[in-house]
N, C-alpha and C. Protein backbone atom coordinates (compact mmCIF):
# COMPACT_ATOMS: atom_id res chain seq x y z
N UNK A 1 -39.13 -13.64 11.62
CA UNK A 1 -38.37 -12.61 12.26
C UNK A 1 -39.37 -11.05 12.06
N UNK A 2 -39.92 -10.43 13.71
CA UNK A 2 -41.19 -9.02 14.09
C UNK A 2 -40.34 -8.56 13.40
N UNK A 3 -40.43 -7.12 13.05
CA UNK A 3 -40.15 -6.38 12.80
C UNK A 3 -39.33 -5.47 13.83
N UNK A 4 -38.10 -4.32 14.16
CA UNK A 4 -37.78 -4.06 15.57
C UNK A 4 -39.06 -2.73 15.68
N UNK A 5 -39.31 -2.27 17.47
CA UNK A 5 -40.78 -1.80 17.66
C UNK A 5 -39.60 -0.25 17.43
N UNK A 6 -40.80 0.91 17.52
CA UNK A 6 -39.90 2.53 17.48
C UNK A 6 -39.23 1.60 18.05
N UNK A 7 -39.18 1.99 20.07
CA UNK A 7 -38.21 1.95 20.44
C UNK A 7 -36.47 1.29 19.99
N UNK A 8 -36.60 0.50 19.67
CA UNK A 8 -35.69 -0.70 18.92
C UNK A 8 -35.17 0.29 17.46
N UNK A 9 -35.95 1.00 17.19
CA UNK A 9 -35.49 1.25 16.24
C UNK A 9 -34.26 3.10 16.19
N UNK A 10 -34.66 3.43 17.45
CA UNK A 10 -34.26 5.04 17.67
C UNK A 10 -33.22 3.93 18.76
N UNK A 11 -33.01 2.91 19.29
CA UNK A 11 -31.53 2.69 20.20
C UNK A 11 -30.90 1.89 18.47
N UNK A 12 -31.61 1.68 17.64
CA UNK A 12 -29.77 1.23 16.50
C UNK A 12 -29.39 2.68 16.72
N UNK A 13 -30.37 3.63 15.60
CA UNK A 13 -30.10 5.01 15.70
C UNK A 13 -28.92 5.40 16.36
N UNK A 14 -29.03 5.85 17.35
CA UNK A 14 -28.25 6.01 18.60
C UNK A 14 -27.14 5.23 18.66
N UNK A 15 -26.41 4.20 18.35
CA UNK A 15 -25.56 2.82 18.08
C UNK A 15 -24.70 3.22 16.72
N UNK A 16 -26.32 3.68 15.72
CA UNK A 16 -25.44 3.97 14.43
C UNK A 16 -24.44 5.25 15.18
N UNK A 17 -24.89 6.12 15.76
CA UNK A 17 -24.57 7.76 16.23
C UNK A 17 -23.56 7.78 16.62
N UNK A 18 -23.09 6.45 17.85
CA UNK A 18 -21.44 6.27 18.67
C UNK A 18 -20.53 5.48 17.34
N UNK A 19 -21.30 4.75 16.65
CA UNK A 19 -20.26 4.71 15.54
C UNK A 19 -19.75 5.57 14.45
N UNK A 20 -20.49 6.42 14.17
CA UNK A 20 -20.12 7.31 13.37
C UNK A 20 -18.68 8.47 14.15
N UNK A 21 -19.22 8.85 14.88
CA UNK A 21 -18.53 10.49 15.55
C UNK A 21 -17.32 9.01 15.98
N UNK A 22 -17.43 7.14 16.37
CA UNK A 22 -16.12 6.67 16.31
C UNK A 22 -14.91 6.77 14.53
N UNK A 23 -15.98 7.13 14.07
CA UNK A 23 -15.48 6.94 12.66
C UNK A 23 -14.52 8.36 11.99
N UNK A 24 -16.17 9.61 12.18
CA UNK A 24 -15.16 10.97 12.02
C UNK A 24 -14.03 11.26 13.17
N UNK A 25 -13.59 10.50 14.15
CA UNK A 25 -12.68 10.86 15.41
C UNK A 25 -10.62 9.80 14.46
N UNK A 26 -11.71 9.12 13.90
CA UNK A 26 -10.40 8.22 12.62
C UNK A 26 -9.96 9.19 12.47
N UNK A 27 -10.91 9.63 11.06
CA UNK A 27 -10.66 10.76 10.49
C UNK A 27 -10.29 11.76 10.79
N UNK A 28 -9.54 11.98 11.37
CA UNK A 28 -9.28 13.47 12.74
C UNK A 28 -8.46 12.82 13.18
N UNK A 29 -7.98 12.20 13.82
CA UNK A 29 -6.70 11.39 13.67
C UNK A 29 -5.92 10.83 12.90
N UNK A 30 -6.19 10.85 11.64
CA UNK A 30 -5.36 10.18 10.63
C UNK A 30 -4.77 11.59 9.90
N UNK A 31 -6.28 12.49 9.57
CA UNK A 31 -5.61 13.72 8.44
C UNK A 31 -4.06 14.51 9.84
N UNK A 32 -4.22 14.88 11.34
CA UNK A 32 -3.42 15.06 12.35
C UNK A 32 -2.29 14.52 12.18
N UNK A 33 -2.07 12.87 12.17
CA UNK A 33 -0.81 11.87 11.34
C UNK A 33 -0.52 12.45 11.07
N UNK A 34 -0.65 12.38 9.32
CA UNK A 34 -0.83 12.99 8.19
C UNK A 34 -0.25 14.01 8.34
N UNK A 35 -0.44 15.67 9.11
CA UNK A 35 0.34 17.35 9.10
C UNK A 35 1.46 16.92 9.63
N UNK A 36 1.43 16.46 11.11
CA UNK A 36 2.65 16.20 11.65
C UNK A 36 3.68 15.64 10.90
N UNK A 37 3.43 14.61 9.45
CA UNK A 37 3.97 14.22 8.89
C UNK A 37 5.12 14.59 7.81
N UNK A 38 3.90 15.42 7.19
CA UNK A 38 3.98 16.71 6.09
C UNK A 38 5.02 17.64 7.04
N UNK A 39 4.21 18.25 7.92
CA UNK A 39 5.25 19.58 8.74
C UNK A 39 6.56 18.88 8.86
N UNK A 40 7.14 17.51 9.84
CA UNK A 40 8.30 17.08 9.72
C UNK A 40 9.13 16.78 8.45
N UNK A 41 8.64 16.54 7.64
CA UNK A 41 9.52 16.74 6.03
C UNK A 41 9.22 18.01 6.22
N UNK A 42 8.49 18.62 6.09
CA UNK A 42 9.03 20.33 5.77
C UNK A 42 10.33 20.80 6.57
N UNK A 43 10.63 20.26 7.28
CA UNK A 43 11.54 20.97 8.79
C UNK A 43 12.68 20.44 8.32
N UNK A 44 12.61 19.07 8.49
CA UNK A 44 13.63 18.61 7.57
C UNK A 44 14.08 18.66 6.15
N UNK A 45 13.95 19.60 5.89
CA UNK A 45 14.09 20.81 4.41
C UNK A 45 13.94 18.66 4.03
N UNK A 46 12.99 18.10 4.22
CA UNK A 46 13.23 17.22 3.00
C UNK A 46 12.36 17.35 1.19
N UNK A 47 10.79 17.92 2.12
CA UNK A 47 10.71 19.37 1.20
C UNK A 47 10.89 20.70 1.09
N UNK A 48 9.97 21.11 -0.34
CA UNK A 48 9.95 22.14 0.32
C UNK A 48 8.42 22.99 0.31
N UNK A 49 8.40 24.24 0.76
CA UNK A 49 7.01 24.35 1.66
C UNK A 49 6.26 24.75 0.41
N UNK A 50 6.68 24.75 -0.85
CA UNK A 50 5.19 24.21 -2.08
C UNK A 50 4.79 22.87 -2.23
N UNK A 51 5.69 21.77 -1.63
CA UNK A 51 5.11 20.97 -1.68
C UNK A 51 4.19 20.36 -0.55
N UNK A 52 4.29 20.81 0.74
CA UNK A 52 4.65 21.29 2.32
C UNK A 52 2.95 21.51 1.87
N UNK A 53 2.46 23.10 1.32
CA UNK A 53 0.94 23.57 1.05
C UNK A 53 0.40 22.10 0.69
N UNK A 54 0.21 22.35 -0.94
CA UNK A 54 0.04 21.39 -1.38
C UNK A 54 0.06 19.91 -0.95
N UNK A 55 0.88 18.81 -0.72
CA UNK A 55 0.06 17.62 0.53
C UNK A 55 -1.13 18.04 1.42
N UNK A 56 -0.65 19.48 2.10
CA UNK A 56 -1.74 19.93 2.84
C UNK A 56 -2.61 19.82 2.22
N UNK A 57 -2.88 20.97 1.14
CA UNK A 57 -4.23 20.84 0.35
C UNK A 57 -4.78 19.82 0.35
N UNK A 58 -4.48 19.21 -0.48
CA UNK A 58 -4.25 17.24 -1.02
C UNK A 58 -5.26 16.22 0.35
N UNK A 59 -4.59 16.78 1.69
CA UNK A 59 -4.90 15.63 2.34
C UNK A 59 -6.47 16.20 3.42
N UNK A 60 -6.51 18.11 3.01
CA UNK A 60 -7.40 18.42 3.58
C UNK A 60 -8.74 18.24 2.41
N UNK A 61 -8.71 17.54 1.13
CA UNK A 61 -9.79 17.73 0.21
C UNK A 61 -10.07 16.84 0.77
N UNK A 62 -9.13 15.70 0.59
CA UNK A 62 -9.30 13.42 1.02
C UNK A 62 -10.29 13.27 2.42
N UNK A 63 -10.20 14.06 2.83
CA UNK A 63 -10.11 14.10 4.30
C UNK A 63 -11.60 14.48 4.93
N UNK A 64 -11.74 15.40 4.09
CA UNK A 64 -13.45 16.37 4.45
C UNK A 64 -13.78 15.37 3.29
N UNK A 65 -13.47 14.47 1.17
CA UNK A 65 -14.77 14.05 0.58
C UNK A 65 -14.89 12.85 1.40
N UNK A 66 -13.88 11.79 2.38
CA UNK A 66 -14.32 10.79 3.48
C UNK A 66 -14.66 11.32 4.86
N UNK A 67 -15.00 12.30 5.21
CA UNK A 67 -16.63 13.19 6.49
C UNK A 67 -17.30 12.60 5.86
N UNK A 68 -18.20 13.08 4.76
CA UNK A 68 -18.76 13.61 3.20
C UNK A 68 -18.84 11.64 3.11
N UNK A 69 -18.82 11.50 2.45
CA UNK A 69 -19.27 9.71 2.99
C UNK A 69 -19.87 8.92 4.54
N UNK A 70 -19.17 10.07 5.34
CA UNK A 70 -19.30 8.90 6.83
C UNK A 70 -20.68 9.47 6.76
N UNK A 71 -20.78 10.66 6.27
CA UNK A 71 -22.37 11.71 6.77
C UNK A 71 -22.76 10.91 5.92
N UNK A 72 -22.87 11.06 4.87
CA UNK A 72 -24.46 10.92 3.92
C UNK A 72 -24.71 9.29 4.00
N UNK A 73 -23.56 8.19 4.26
CA UNK A 73 -23.69 7.46 4.99
C UNK A 73 -24.63 6.45 6.07
N UNK A 74 -24.32 7.64 6.97
CA UNK A 74 -24.64 7.93 8.09
C UNK A 74 -26.30 7.73 7.80
N UNK A 75 -26.55 8.60 6.70
CA UNK A 75 -28.19 9.89 7.10
C UNK A 75 -29.29 8.56 6.63
N UNK A 76 -28.42 7.98 5.43
CA UNK A 76 -29.74 6.78 4.19
C UNK A 76 -29.60 6.04 5.31
N UNK A 77 -28.23 4.84 6.49
CA UNK A 77 -29.00 4.23 6.70
C UNK A 77 -29.69 4.63 7.73
N UNK A 78 -29.62 5.65 8.35
CA UNK A 78 -30.38 6.20 9.99
C UNK A 78 -32.10 5.77 9.40
N UNK A 79 -31.67 6.89 8.08
CA UNK A 79 -33.16 6.46 7.54
C UNK A 79 -33.72 5.55 7.28
N UNK A 80 -33.00 4.52 6.83
CA UNK A 80 -34.03 3.02 6.21
C UNK A 80 -34.46 2.02 7.47
N UNK A 81 -33.01 2.97 8.62
CA UNK A 81 -33.90 2.30 10.31
C UNK A 81 -34.97 3.12 10.70
N UNK A 82 -35.31 4.12 10.64
CA UNK A 82 -36.70 3.99 10.94
C UNK A 82 -37.44 4.05 10.23
N UNK A 83 -37.69 3.67 8.64
CA UNK A 83 -38.88 3.08 7.92
C UNK A 83 -39.08 1.97 7.59
N UNK A 84 -37.99 1.13 8.41
CA UNK A 84 -38.32 -0.24 8.77
C UNK A 84 -39.60 -0.95 9.04
N UNK A 85 -40.55 -1.32 8.25
CA UNK A 85 -41.62 -1.66 8.96
C UNK A 85 -41.98 -3.03 8.62
């Protein structure tokens, strides 16, 4: 099988960026849903404000870590696609 042309590799990278954006959106949506749930629990007095703050901080750390993983994987895969010969 011949290696893809430069034009085809660029098309693949464009598709990769679309998939990456879909994953970023999914992480943001999950983060929003979790935040709403935590806020609702605090409003219903099922958790304290301290627990709410800790949970929100932990959720932010996790979501940022996951977004960074997605970005790092994307950069590595893009480099791999463009260097394919």
